[in-house]
Amino acid sequence: MNLDQNTSETIGTGIRRLRNLRSMSQSQLADRVGVTFGWISQIEQDKAIPSAELLSKIATQFKIPVHELIQNEESHMELKSRIKLVEVLLEAGQPEEAEMMISGLEPQPDLSDSDRLTIQIHLAECKYQQKDYDQSIEILRPLIHS
């Protein structure tokens, strides 16, 4: 079973998907790998990172190689780092540079809906910092209505 179905899938969302495919509860998986269901919940919500040992136990439960759990994490982390760089550029008062970074991020097919929303908000901030208030509002208007 491969995680290539969604390239923006994190370790946590991949574990959740595989667990659900096997009709397994968080408590069942937790019992089988020797942790609490709360820990599994934290991992699935990407609020915690499992150790290599725990990843190995989870992969064993799913009868898949460990690399299938982590293969998409690198590209996901790169996207998150690039979004963070946009935030740093905006905080530093460099909206033109931030906008150039955003133009490279927008066409990425593996962005989550949350990441797309974050990017749109950052783009509106770029326009605002460049005193293009009308364009900033036009970017935000569809977000407000949704």
C-alpha atoms as a PDB file:
ATOM      1  CA  MET A   1       0.000   0.000   0.000  1.00  0.00           C
ATOM      2  CA  ASN A   2       1.561   3.252  -1.101  1.00  0.00           C
ATOM      3  CA  LEU A   3       0.973   6.786   0.181  1.00  0.00           C
ATOM      4  CA  ASP A   4       1.360   8.346  -3.268  1.00  0.00           C
ATOM      5  CA  GLN A   5      -2.373   8.994  -3.414  1.00  0.00           C
ATOM      6  CA  ASN A   6      -1.841  12.466  -1.944  1.00  0.00           C
ATOM      7  CA  THR A   7       1.605  14.015  -2.160  1.00  0.00           C
ATOM      8  CA  SER A   8       0.799  16.547   0.556  1.00  0.00           C
ATOM      9  CA  GLU A   9       0.050  13.715   2.966  1.00  0.00           C
ATOM     10  CA  THR A  10       2.042  14.002   6.169  1.00  0.00           C
ATOM     11  CA  ILE A  11       3.135  11.114   8.336  1.00  0.00           C
ATOM     12  CA  GLY A  12       0.151  11.766  10.583  1.00  0.00           C
ATOM     13  CA  THR A  13      -2.445  11.917   7.828  1.00  0.00           C
ATOM     14  CA  GLY A  14      -0.901   8.835   6.233  1.00  0.00           C
ATOM     15  CA  ILE A  15      -1.180   6.906   9.496  1.00  0.00           C
ATOM     16  CA  ARG A  16      -4.799   8.027   9.900  1.00  0.00           C
ATOM     17  CA  ARG A  17      -5.637   7.009   6.330  1.00  0.00           C
ATOM     18  CA  LEU A  18      -4.014   3.594   6.698  1.00  0.00           C
ATOM     19  CA  ARG A  19      -5.630   3.031  10.101  1.00  0.00           C
ATOM     20  CA  ASN A  20      -9.060   3.915   8.702  1.00  0.00           C
ATOM     21  CA  LEU A  21      -8.532   1.663   5.669  1.00  0.00           C
ATOM     22  CA  ARG A  22      -8.018  -1.173   8.124  1.00  0.00           C
ATOM     23  CA  SER A  23     -11.081  -0.186  10.201  1.00  0.00           C
ATOM     24  CA  MET A  24      -8.842   0.199  13.225  1.00  0.00           C
ATOM     25  CA  SER A  25      -9.532   2.668  16.036  1.00  0.00           C
ATOM     26  CA  GLN A  26      -6.856   4.903  17.514  1.00  0.00           C
ATOM     27  CA  SER A  27      -7.123   2.871  20.728  1.00  0.00           C
ATOM     28  CA  GLN A  28      -6.566  -0.389  18.875  1.00  0.00           C
ATOM     29  CA  LEU A  29      -3.486   0.929  17.082  1.00  0.00           C
ATOM     30  CA  ALA A  30      -2.187   2.447  20.309  1.00  0.00           C
ATOM     31  CA  ASP A  31      -2.581  -0.855  22.177  1.00  0.00           C
ATOM     32  CA  ARG A  32      -0.806  -2.772  19.427  1.00  0.00           C
ATOM     33  CA  VAL A  33       2.205  -0.413  19.338  1.00  0.00           C
ATOM     34  CA  GLY A  34       2.401   0.265  23.089  1.00  0.00           C
ATOM     35  CA  VAL A  35       1.368   3.930  23.368  1.00  0.00           C
ATOM     36  CA  THR A  36      -1.770   5.801  24.429  1.00  0.00           C
ATOM     37  CA  PHE A  37      -4.568   6.595  22.010  1.00  0.00           C
ATOM     38  CA  GLY A  38      -3.937  10.267  22.837  1.00  0.00           C
ATOM     39  CA  TRP A  39      -0.407   9.921  21.457  1.00  0.00           C
ATOM     40  CA  ILE A  40      -1.753   8.386  18.250  1.00  0.00           C
ATOM     41  CA  SER A  41      -4.261  11.249  18.020  1.00  0.00           C
ATOM     42  CA  GLN A  42      -1.476  13.825  18.439  1.00  0.00           C
ATOM     43  CA  ILE A  43       0.553  12.138  15.675  1.00  0.00           C
ATOM     44  CA  GLU A  44      -2.419  11.959  13.307  1.00  0.00           C
ATOM     45  CA  GLN A  45      -3.086  15.671  13.839  1.00  0.00           C
ATOM     46  CA  ASP A  46       0.591  16.441  13.135  1.00  0.00           C
ATOM     47  CA  LYS A  47       0.978  17.827  16.642  1.00  0.00           C
ATOM     48  CA  ALA A  48       3.592  15.218  17.548  1.00  0.00           C
ATOM     49  CA  ILE A  49       6.295  13.370  15.657  1.00  0.00           C
ATOM     50  CA  PRO A  50       6.672   9.646  16.238  1.00  0.00           C
ATOM     51  CA  SER A  51      10.078   8.206  17.062  1.00  0.00           C
ATOM     52  CA  ALA A  52      11.800   5.921  14.578  1.00  0.00           C
ATOM     53  CA  GLU A  53      10.980   2.985  16.856  1.00  0.00           C
ATOM     54  CA  LEU A  54       7.279   3.891  16.941  1.00  0.00           C
ATOM     55  CA  LEU A  55       7.205   4.383  13.162  1.00  0.00           C
ATOM     56  CA  SER A  56       8.672   0.919  12.788  1.00  0.00           C
ATOM     57  CA  LYS A  57       6.010  -0.583  15.076  1.00  0.00           C
ATOM     58  CA  ILE A  58       3.221   1.228  13.214  1.00  0.00           C
ATOM     59  CA  ALA A  59       4.559   0.096   9.838  1.00  0.00           C
ATOM     60  CA  THR A  60       4.694  -3.463  11.151  1.00  0.00           C
ATOM     61  CA  GLN A  61       1.048  -3.233  12.219  1.00  0.00           C
ATOM     62  CA  PHE A  62       0.098  -2.008   8.750  1.00  0.00           C
ATOM     63  CA  LYS A  63       2.370  -4.614   7.114  1.00  0.00           C
ATOM     64  CA  ILE A  64       4.191  -1.979   5.040  1.00  0.00           C
ATOM     65  CA  PRO A  65       7.808  -0.805   4.897  1.00  0.00           C
ATOM     66  CA  VAL A  66       8.632   2.209   7.098  1.00  0.00           C
ATOM     67  CA  HIS A  67       9.699   4.267   4.083  1.00  0.00           C
ATOM     68  CA  GLU A  68       6.066   4.278   2.873  1.00  0.00           C
ATOM     69  CA  LEU A  69       5.093   6.191   6.021  1.00  0.00           C
ATOM     70  CA  ILE A  70       7.735   8.885   5.557  1.00  0.00           C
ATOM     71  CA  GLN A  71       8.261   9.200   1.799  1.00  0.00           C
ATOM     72  CA  ASN A  72       6.073  12.293   1.337  1.00  0.00           C
ATOM     73  CA  GLU A  73       7.195  14.079   4.493  1.00  0.00           C
ATOM     74  CA  GLU A  74      10.279  15.654   2.867  1.00  0.00           C
ATOM     75  CA  SER A  75       8.322  17.519   0.178  1.00  0.00           C
ATOM     76  CA  HIS A  76       5.699  18.512   2.745  1.00  0.00           C
ATOM     77  CA  MET A  77       8.405  19.956   5.013  1.00  0.00           C
ATOM     78  CA  GLU A  78       9.931  21.876   2.086  1.00  0.00           C
ATOM     79  CA  LEU A  79       6.578  23.509   1.321  1.00  0.00           C
ATOM     80  CA  LYS A  80       6.081  24.403   4.986  1.00  0.00           C
ATOM     81  CA  SER A  81       9.580  25.920   5.075  1.00  0.00           C
ATOM     82  CA  ARG A  82       8.873  28.020   1.987  1.00  0.00           C
ATOM     83  CA  ILE A  83       5.611  29.284   3.497  1.00  0.00           C
ATOM     84  CA  LYS A  84       7.491  30.146   6.683  1.00  0.00           C
ATOM     85  CA  LEU A  85      10.040  32.074   4.606  1.00  0.00           C
ATOM     86  CA  VAL A  86       7.182  34.121   3.102  1.00  0.00           C
ATOM     87  CA  GLU A  87       6.087  34.973   6.647  1.00  0.00           C
ATOM     88  CA  VAL A  88       9.619  36.040   7.583  1.00  0.00           C
ATOM     89  CA  LEU A  89       9.875  38.239   4.492  1.00  0.00           C
ATOM     90  CA  LEU A  90       6.563  39.902   5.324  1.00  0.00           C
ATOM     91  CA  GLU A  91       7.641  40.506   8.910  1.00  0.00           C
ATOM     92  CA  ALA A  92      10.869  42.032   7.595  1.00  0.00           C
ATOM     93  CA  GLY A  93       8.900  44.421   5.385  1.00  0.00           C
ATOM     94  CA  GLN A  94       9.956  42.799   2.115  1.00  0.00           C
ATOM     95  CA  PRO A  95       6.604  42.235   0.386  1.00  0.00           C
ATOM     96  CA  GLU A  96       8.029  42.146  -3.153  1.00  0.00           C
ATOM     97  CA  GLU A  97      10.314  39.235  -2.263  1.00  0.00           C
ATOM     98  CA  ALA A  98       7.488  37.506  -0.403  1.00  0.00           C
ATOM     99  CA  GLU A  99       5.235  37.889  -3.441  1.00  0.00           C
ATOM    100  CA  MET A 100       7.880  36.296  -5.671  1.00  0.00           C
ATOM    101  CA  MET A 101       8.054  33.329  -3.273  1.00  0.00           C
ATOM    102  CA  ILE A 102       4.259  33.068  -3.293  1.00  0.00           C
ATOM    103  CA  SER A 103       4.179  33.022  -7.098  1.00  0.00           C
ATOM    104  CA  GLY A 104       6.377  29.923  -6.938  1.00  0.00           C
ATOM    105  CA  LEU A 105       4.181  28.272  -4.319  1.00  0.00           C
ATOM    106  CA  GLU A 106       0.722  28.855  -5.810  1.00  0.00           C
ATOM    107  CA  PRO A 107       0.990  26.375  -8.698  1.00  0.00           C
ATOM    108  CA  GLN A 108       2.162  23.538  -6.400  1.00  0.00           C
ATOM    109  CA  PRO A 109      -0.313  20.666  -6.851  1.00  0.00           C
ATOM    110  CA  ASP A 110       0.415  19.152  -3.438  1.00  0.00           C
ATOM    111  CA  LEU A 111      -0.635  22.123  -1.304  1.00  0.00           C
ATOM    112  CA  SER A 112      -3.345  21.403   1.225  1.00  0.00           C
ATOM    113  CA  ASP A 113      -6.440  23.593   1.363  1.00  0.00           C
ATOM    114  CA  SER A 114      -5.067  25.093   4.562  1.00  0.00           C
ATOM    115  CA  ASP A 115      -1.754  25.931   2.874  1.00  0.00           C
ATOM    116  CA  ARG A 116      -3.584  27.511  -0.083  1.00  0.00           C
ATOM    117  CA  LEU A 117      -5.626  29.653   2.300  1.00  0.00           C
ATOM    118  CA  THR A 118      -2.462  30.702   4.163  1.00  0.00           C
ATOM    119  CA  ILE A 119      -0.780  31.644   0.889  1.00  0.00           C
ATOM    120  CA  GLN A 120      -3.776  33.735  -0.215  1.00  0.00           C
ATOM    121  CA  ILE A 121      -3.747  35.599   3.098  1.00  0.00           C
ATOM    122  CA  HIS A 122      -0.004  36.207   2.756  1.00  0.00           C
ATOM    123  CA  LEU A 123      -0.515  37.462  -0.794  1.00  0.00           C
ATOM    124  CA  ALA A 124      -3.135  39.911   0.462  1.00  0.00           C
ATOM    125  CA  GLU A 125      -0.638  41.064   3.089  1.00  0.00           C
ATOM    126  CA  CYS A 126       1.970  41.567   0.352  1.00  0.00           C
ATOM    127  CA  LYS A 127      -0.432  43.782  -1.563  1.00  0.00           C
ATOM    128  CA  TYR A 128      -1.361  45.657   1.603  1.00  0.00           C
ATOM    129  CA  GLN A 129       2.282  46.341   2.477  1.00  0.00           C
ATOM    130  CA  GLN A 130       2.781  47.608  -1.079  1.00  0.00           C
ATOM    131  CA  LYS A 131      -0.171  49.972  -0.495  1.00  0.00           C
ATOM    132  CA  ASP A 132      -2.258  48.204  -3.150  1.00  0.00           C
ATOM    133  CA  TYR A 133      -5.287  48.133  -0.855  1.00  0.00           C
ATOM    134  CA  ASP A 134      -7.876  47.400  -3.557  1.00  0.00           C
ATOM    135  CA  GLN A 135      -5.984  44.323  -4.736  1.00  0.00           C
ATOM    136  CA  SER A 136      -5.575  43.171  -1.138  1.00  0.00           C
ATOM    137  CA  ILE A 137      -9.325  43.376  -0.606  1.00  0.00           C
ATOM    138  CA  GLU A 138     -10.011  41.563  -3.895  1.00  0.00           C
ATOM    139  CA  ILE A 139      -7.804  38.686  -2.753  1.00  0.00           C
ATOM    140  CA  LEU A 140      -9.519  38.497   0.641  1.00  0.00           C
ATOM    141  CA  ARG A 141     -13.121  38.930  -0.565  1.00  0.00           C
ATOM    142  CA  PRO A 142     -13.637  35.305  -1.758  1.00  0.00           C
ATOM    143  CA  LEU A 143     -12.084  34.048   1.465  1.00  0.00           C
ATOM    144  CA  ILE A 144     -14.492  36.108   3.536  1.00  0.00           C
ATOM    145  CA  HIS A 145     -17.489  34.763   1.648  1.00  0.00           C
ATOM    146  CA  SER A 146     -16.357  31.175   2.019  1.00  0.00           C
END
